[in-house]
Amino acid sequence: MRINTNVASLNAQEAATNTNNNLRTSLEKLSSGLRINKASDDASGLAIADKLRTQASSIGQSISNGNSAVSLTQIADKAMAEQSNILDVVKQKLIQAGTDTTSEEGRKAIGKDIDKLLTQLDNIAKQTNYNGINLLQATDASTASSTKLEFQMGEKSDNLITLGAGIQANTSGLQGMGTLQASAKGGFTDAAAARGHLADVDTALNQLNSWRSDVGSTQNQLESSLRNLMTQKTNIKAAESVIRDVDYAAESANFNKQNIIAQAGTYAQSQANAMQQNITRLLQ
């Protein structure tokens, strides 16, 4: 028997140190709710979980982009719906002016109404914007066609949904409306002159409806993409959770096990120290 080195006590101390480290790790997991709190917990798992988190964040921003884009298309559609209402009223007034039961003075009054209505149509095209982006013409100052808009709807650079260029919902872009407005300012000379613009209004309505159709199709595409992205985000977050989050049932059981081992280790260490006392009996 030896007294200079208590090997049994050293073994018990080593086991106790390891057990306490396990207890600290288990408590860290239980308190944070995470199975991986540092790279040493699971290096490969951390790399995968971080990549999934980045992917989920990117998709989350894409969802925000999509919601903004849907709002943009709704603004454009509602504005053109009001312009369509204006053209409906313009056609109604042309029909009113296009009958011989309407007097010359009546046609002049109708002309003024039509001029005001078409001016408002231009005002709508000028004022309709989303976050400063003109939707129905090029800019506030330019009545040229609108530019193409691209919406980032995914984590890759080519995950784009496009609203095509070419919307020019003003009297310059709607065929015949500029001529109609010029005629309306001076008043229609007779019923036939008023009737001569009816076909132009029909053409303008068809063009406006075509642009609205493009905007509506883009909105449908955006909403479909949004539903898909939300499903992807949910599944990716679930996959990250499986890797990163702690299983409380399993970790609680592990903590209780380590706690019992720690108590047993303390008892074993006390017994290892007590064994040395038996040597003193040999010296009596």
Protein backbone atom coordinates (compact mmCIF):
# COMPACT_ATOMS: atom_id res chain seq x y z
CA MET A 1 0.00 0.00 0.00
CA ARG A 2 1.26 3.51 -0.88
CA ILE A 3 0.50 6.87 0.69
CA ASN A 4 2.43 9.38 -1.46
CA THR A 5 0.08 8.99 -4.39
CA ASN A 6 -3.59 8.28 -3.85
CA VAL A 7 -4.40 6.86 -7.30
CA ALA A 8 -7.98 6.05 -6.38
CA SER A 9 -8.57 9.66 -5.31
CA LEU A 10 -6.97 10.99 -8.49
CA ASN A 11 -9.21 8.76 -10.61
CA ALA A 12 -12.24 9.97 -8.67
CA GLN A 13 -11.18 13.62 -9.15
CA GLU A 14 -10.75 13.13 -12.88
CA ALA A 15 -14.16 11.51 -13.20
CA ALA A 16 -15.71 14.28 -11.09
CA THR A 17 -14.14 16.97 -13.34
CA ASN A 18 -15.50 15.29 -16.48
CA THR A 19 -18.92 14.90 -14.91
CA ASN A 20 -19.02 18.58 -13.85
CA ASN A 21 -18.08 19.60 -17.39
CA ASN A 22 -20.95 17.48 -18.70
CA LEU A 23 -23.28 19.10 -16.17
CA ARG A 24 -22.25 22.61 -17.25
CA THR A 25 -22.77 21.72 -20.90
CA SER A 26 -26.17 20.22 -20.13
CA LEU A 27 -27.23 23.28 -18.11
CA GLU A 28 -26.10 25.55 -20.94
CA LYS A 29 -28.28 23.66 -23.39
CA LEU A 30 -31.27 23.66 -21.05
CA SER A 31 -30.95 27.38 -20.29
CA SER A 32 -30.40 28.51 -23.91
CA GLY A 33 -32.78 26.08 -25.57
CA LEU A 34 -30.05 25.24 -28.08
CA ARG A 35 -28.27 21.95 -28.60
CA ILE A 36 -25.41 23.79 -30.35
CA ASN A 37 -24.13 26.81 -28.43
CA LYS A 38 -20.59 26.78 -29.78
CA ALA A 39 -18.75 25.14 -32.63
CA SER A 40 -17.25 22.44 -30.39
CA ASP A 41 -20.75 21.15 -29.56
CA ASP A 42 -21.23 19.99 -33.17
CA ALA A 43 -18.98 21.60 -35.78
CA SER A 44 -20.63 20.12 -38.87
CA GLY A 45 -24.12 20.62 -37.42
CA LEU A 46 -23.35 24.28 -36.72
CA ALA A 47 -22.21 24.83 -40.31
CA ILE A 48 -25.39 23.26 -41.70
CA ALA A 49 -27.65 25.10 -39.25
CA ASP A 50 -26.04 28.47 -40.01
CA LYS A 51 -26.47 27.88 -43.74
CA LEU A 52 -30.13 27.01 -43.20
CA ARG A 53 -30.59 30.13 -41.06
CA THR A 54 -29.10 32.31 -43.80
CA GLN A 55 -31.35 30.64 -46.36
CA ALA A 56 -34.42 31.21 -44.19
CA SER A 57 -33.48 34.87 -43.65
CA SER A 58 -33.01 35.37 -47.40
CA ILE A 59 -36.39 33.82 -48.12
CA GLY A 60 -37.92 35.98 -45.39
CA GLN A 61 -36.67 39.10 -47.15
CA SER A 62 -37.95 37.75 -50.47
CA ILE A 63 -41.38 37.38 -48.86
CA SER A 64 -41.20 41.02 -47.78
CA ASN A 65 -40.21 41.96 -51.34
CA GLY A 66 -43.15 40.00 -52.69
CA ASN A 67 -45.65 41.64 -50.35
CA SER A 68 -44.36 45.06 -51.42
CA ALA A 69 -44.60 44.05 -55.09
CA VAL A 70 -48.19 42.86 -54.63
CA SER A 71 -49.04 46.23 -53.08
CA LEU A 72 -47.42 47.93 -56.08
CA THR A 73 -49.48 45.94 -58.58
CA GLN A 74 -52.66 46.60 -56.61
CA ILE A 75 -51.99 50.35 -56.71
CA ALA A 76 -51.45 50.22 -60.47
CA ASP A 77 -54.55 48.12 -61.04
CA LYS A 78 -56.83 50.33 -58.93
CA ALA A 79 -55.54 53.44 -60.66
CA MET A 80 -56.25 51.98 -64.10
CA ALA A 81 -59.66 50.83 -62.88
CA GLU A 82 -60.49 54.48 -62.13
CA GLN A 83 -59.16 55.47 -65.55
CA SER A 84 -61.43 52.84 -67.07
CA ASN A 85 -64.36 54.39 -65.22
CA ILE A 86 -63.39 57.77 -66.66
CA LEU A 87 -63.37 56.38 -70.21
CA ASP A 88 -66.77 54.79 -69.58
CA VAL A 89 -68.16 58.21 -68.64
CA VAL A 90 -66.42 59.81 -71.64
CA LYS A 91 -68.10 57.33 -73.97
CA GLN A 92 -71.44 57.95 -72.33
CA LYS A 93 -71.05 61.70 -72.88
CA LEU A 94 -69.99 61.19 -76.51
CA ILE A 95 -73.16 59.20 -77.10
CA GLN A 96 -75.10 62.04 -75.47
CA ALA A 97 -73.40 64.56 -77.75
CA GLY A 98 -73.84 62.29 -80.75
CA THR A 99 -77.59 62.67 -81.01
CA ASP A 100 -79.41 65.56 -82.69
CA THR A 101 -81.63 66.07 -79.65
CA THR A 102 -78.61 67.66 -77.94
CA SER A 103 -78.18 71.36 -78.69
CA GLU A 104 -74.97 73.07 -79.77
CA GLU A 105 -74.65 74.62 -76.32
CA GLY A 106 -75.17 71.22 -74.81
CA ARG A 107 -72.33 69.79 -76.92
CA LYS A 108 -70.03 72.60 -75.77
CA ALA A 109 -70.83 71.77 -72.14
CA ILE A 110 -70.23 68.09 -72.83
CA GLY A 111 -66.92 68.98 -74.46
CA LYS A 112 -65.83 70.80 -71.31
CA ASP A 113 -66.78 67.78 -69.21
CA ILE A 114 -64.80 65.44 -71.45
CA ASP A 115 -61.78 67.76 -71.36
CA LYS A 116 -61.86 67.76 -67.55
CA LEU A 117 -62.26 63.98 -67.42
CA LEU A 118 -59.29 63.39 -69.72
CA THR A 119 -57.22 65.87 -67.72
CA GLN A 120 -57.99 63.83 -64.61
CA LEU A 121 -57.01 60.68 -66.50
CA ASP A 122 -53.60 62.28 -67.12
CA ASN A 123 -53.39 63.36 -63.47
CA ILE A 124 -53.92 59.76 -62.36
CA ALA A 125 -51.15 58.59 -64.68
CA LYS A 126 -48.82 61.26 -63.33
CA GLN A 127 -49.60 60.75 -59.65
CA THR A 128 -49.78 56.97 -59.41
CA ASN A 129 -46.57 55.72 -57.84
CA TYR A 130 -45.18 53.32 -55.26
CA ASN A 131 -42.39 54.68 -53.09
CA GLY A 132 -41.66 57.29 -55.75
CA ILE A 133 -41.68 54.77 -58.61
CA ASN A 134 -44.12 55.87 -61.33
CA LEU A 135 -46.33 53.03 -62.47
CA LEU A 136 -48.47 54.33 -65.33
CA GLN A 137 -45.93 56.43 -67.20
CA ALA A 138 -42.18 57.08 -67.18
CA THR A 139 -41.91 59.92 -64.63
CA ASP A 140 -43.91 62.82 -63.24
CA ALA A 141 -42.56 65.02 -66.01
CA SER A 142 -42.45 62.49 -68.85
CA THR A 143 -45.57 60.93 -70.34
CA ALA A 144 -43.50 58.21 -72.06
CA SER A 145 -44.00 54.52 -71.29
CA SER A 146 -43.13 53.12 -67.89
CA THR A 147 -39.91 51.18 -67.41
CA LYS A 148 -39.59 47.47 -66.64
CA LEU A 149 -39.75 46.53 -62.95
CA GLU A 150 -37.97 43.45 -61.57
CA PHE A 151 -38.85 41.92 -58.20
CA GLN A 152 -36.30 39.77 -56.36
CA MET A 153 -38.27 36.71 -55.23
CA GLY A 154 -35.64 34.25 -54.02
CA GLU A 155 -32.09 33.85 -52.77
CA LYS A 156 -30.55 33.50 -56.26
CA SER A 157 -29.87 36.45 -58.54
CA ASP A 158 -32.08 35.04 -61.27
CA ASN A 159 -35.12 34.48 -59.01
CA LEU A 160 -36.95 37.40 -60.58
CA ILE A 161 -40.55 38.24 -61.43
CA THR A 162 -40.92 41.01 -63.98
CA LEU A 163 -43.60 43.58 -64.65
CA GLY A 164 -42.97 44.50 -68.26
CA ALA A 165 -42.38 48.00 -69.53
CA GLY A 166 -44.75 49.83 -71.83
CA ILE A 167 -47.62 51.11 -69.67
CA GLN A 168 -48.53 54.58 -70.92
CA ALA A 169 -51.95 55.17 -69.41
CA ASN A 170 -52.35 58.80 -70.42
CA THR A 171 -53.86 60.71 -73.34
CA SER A 172 -50.53 60.42 -75.17
CA GLY A 173 -50.41 56.65 -74.85
CA LEU A 174 -54.11 55.83 -75.28
CA GLN A 175 -54.78 55.96 -79.00
CA GLY A 176 -57.12 58.75 -80.08
CA MET A 177 -57.49 60.33 -76.61
CA GLY A 178 -55.20 63.26 -77.43
CA THR A 179 -57.24 64.02 -80.53
CA LEU A 180 -60.48 63.65 -78.59
CA GLN A 181 -59.31 66.07 -75.92
CA ALA A 182 -58.34 68.64 -78.54
CA SER A 183 -61.77 68.32 -80.15
CA ALA A 184 -63.55 68.52 -76.83
CA LYS A 185 -61.81 71.78 -75.87
CA GLY A 186 -63.32 73.59 -78.88
CA GLY A 187 -66.67 71.87 -78.59
CA PHE A 188 -68.09 69.35 -81.05
CA THR A 189 -69.37 70.96 -84.24
CA ASP A 190 -72.21 68.47 -84.67
CA ALA A 191 -73.48 65.06 -83.60
CA ALA A 192 -71.42 63.24 -86.22
CA ALA A 193 -68.21 64.83 -84.90
CA ALA A 194 -68.96 63.46 -81.44
CA ARG A 195 -69.86 60.01 -82.78
CA GLY A 196 -66.57 59.92 -84.68
CA HIS A 197 -64.64 59.49 -81.42
CA LEU A 198 -66.63 56.52 -80.08
CA ALA A 199 -64.36 53.98 -81.74
CA ASP A 200 -61.30 55.74 -80.28
CA VAL A 201 -62.67 55.35 -76.76
CA ASP A 202 -63.28 51.63 -77.40
CA THR A 203 -59.68 51.26 -78.60
CA ALA A 204 -58.39 53.11 -75.52
CA LEU A 205 -60.44 50.90 -73.22
CA ASN A 206 -59.07 47.77 -74.90
CA GLN A 207 -55.50 49.05 -74.48
CA LEU A 208 -56.11 49.94 -70.84
CA ASN A 209 -57.62 46.52 -70.17
CA SER A 210 -54.60 44.89 -71.79
CA TRP A 211 -52.26 46.70 -69.39
CA ARG A 212 -54.49 45.80 -66.45
CA SER A 213 -54.37 42.18 -67.56
CA ASP A 214 -50.56 42.24 -67.55
CA VAL A 215 -50.52 43.77 -64.07
CA GLY A 216 -53.07 41.23 -62.82
CA SER A 217 -51.09 38.31 -64.25
CA THR A 218 -47.94 39.61 -62.54
CA GLN A 219 -49.83 39.91 -59.26
CA ASN A 220 -51.04 36.30 -59.57
CA GLN A 221 -47.47 35.17 -60.23
CA LEU A 222 -46.24 37.10 -57.19
CA GLU A 223 -48.91 35.65 -54.92
CA SER A 224 -48.12 32.12 -56.10
CA SER A 225 -44.42 32.73 -55.46
CA LEU A 226 -45.23 34.10 -52.00
CA ARG A 227 -47.16 30.98 -51.03
CA ASN A 228 -44.28 28.79 -52.18
CA LEU A 229 -41.69 30.91 -50.35
CA MET A 230 -43.66 30.83 -47.11
CA THR A 231 -43.85 27.04 -47.30
CA GLN A 232 -40.11 26.86 -48.00
CA LYS A 233 -39.29 29.12 -45.07
CA THR A 234 -41.38 27.04 -42.69
CA ASN A 235 -39.71 23.80 -43.79
CA ILE A 236 -36.21 25.29 -43.65
CA LYS A 237 -36.79 26.67 -40.15
CA ALA A 238 -38.06 23.26 -39.09
CA ALA A 239 -34.91 21.62 -40.51
CA GLU A 240 -32.71 24.13 -38.67
CA SER A 241 -34.61 23.47 -35.46
CA VAL A 242 -33.94 19.73 -35.70
CA ILE A 243 -30.21 20.44 -35.86
CA ARG A 244 -29.81 23.47 -33.57
CA ASP A 245 -32.53 23.26 -30.91
CA VAL A 246 -32.26 21.12 -27.81
CA ASP A 247 -34.59 18.19 -27.13
CA TYR A 248 -35.69 19.10 -23.61
CA ALA A 249 -36.94 15.63 -22.75
CA ALA A 250 -33.66 13.97 -23.73
CA GLU A 251 -31.44 16.70 -22.24
CA SER A 252 -33.37 16.74 -18.96
CA ALA A 253 -32.82 13.01 -18.66
CA ASN A 254 -29.13 13.49 -19.44
CA PHE A 255 -28.82 16.24 -16.82
CA ASN A 256 -30.43 14.06 -14.16
CA LYS A 257 -28.06 11.22 -15.07
CA GLN A 258 -25.00 13.47 -14.85
CA ASN A 259 -26.24 14.88 -11.55
CA ILE A 260 -26.55 11.39 -10.06
CA ILE A 261 -23.10 10.47 -11.37
CA ALA A 262 -21.70 13.65 -9.79
CA GLN A 263 -23.17 12.74 -6.43
CA ALA A 264 -21.84 9.21 -6.72
CA GLY A 265 -18.43 10.59 -7.71
CA THR A 266 -18.33 12.79 -4.61
CA TYR A 267 -19.05 9.76 -2.45
CA ALA A 268 -16.39 7.71 -4.29
CA GLN A 269 -13.82 10.45 -3.75
CA SER A 270 -14.55 10.57 -0.03
CA GLN A 271 -14.13 6.80 0.15
CA ALA A 272 -10.83 6.96 -1.77
CA ASN A 273 -9.51 9.46 0.75
CA ALA A 274 -10.74 7.32 3.63
CA MET A 275 -8.82 4.31 2.32
CA GLN A 276 -5.52 6.06 3.15
CA GLN A 277 -6.47 6.16 6.78
CA ASN A 278 -6.21 2.36 6.95
CA ILE A 279 -2.44 2.61 6.44
CA THR A 280 -2.00 4.31 9.81
CA ARG A 281 -3.17 1.10 11.49
CA LEU A 282 -0.09 -0.71 10.12
CA LEU A 283 2.10 1.76 12.03
CA GLN A 284 0.43 1.22 15.39
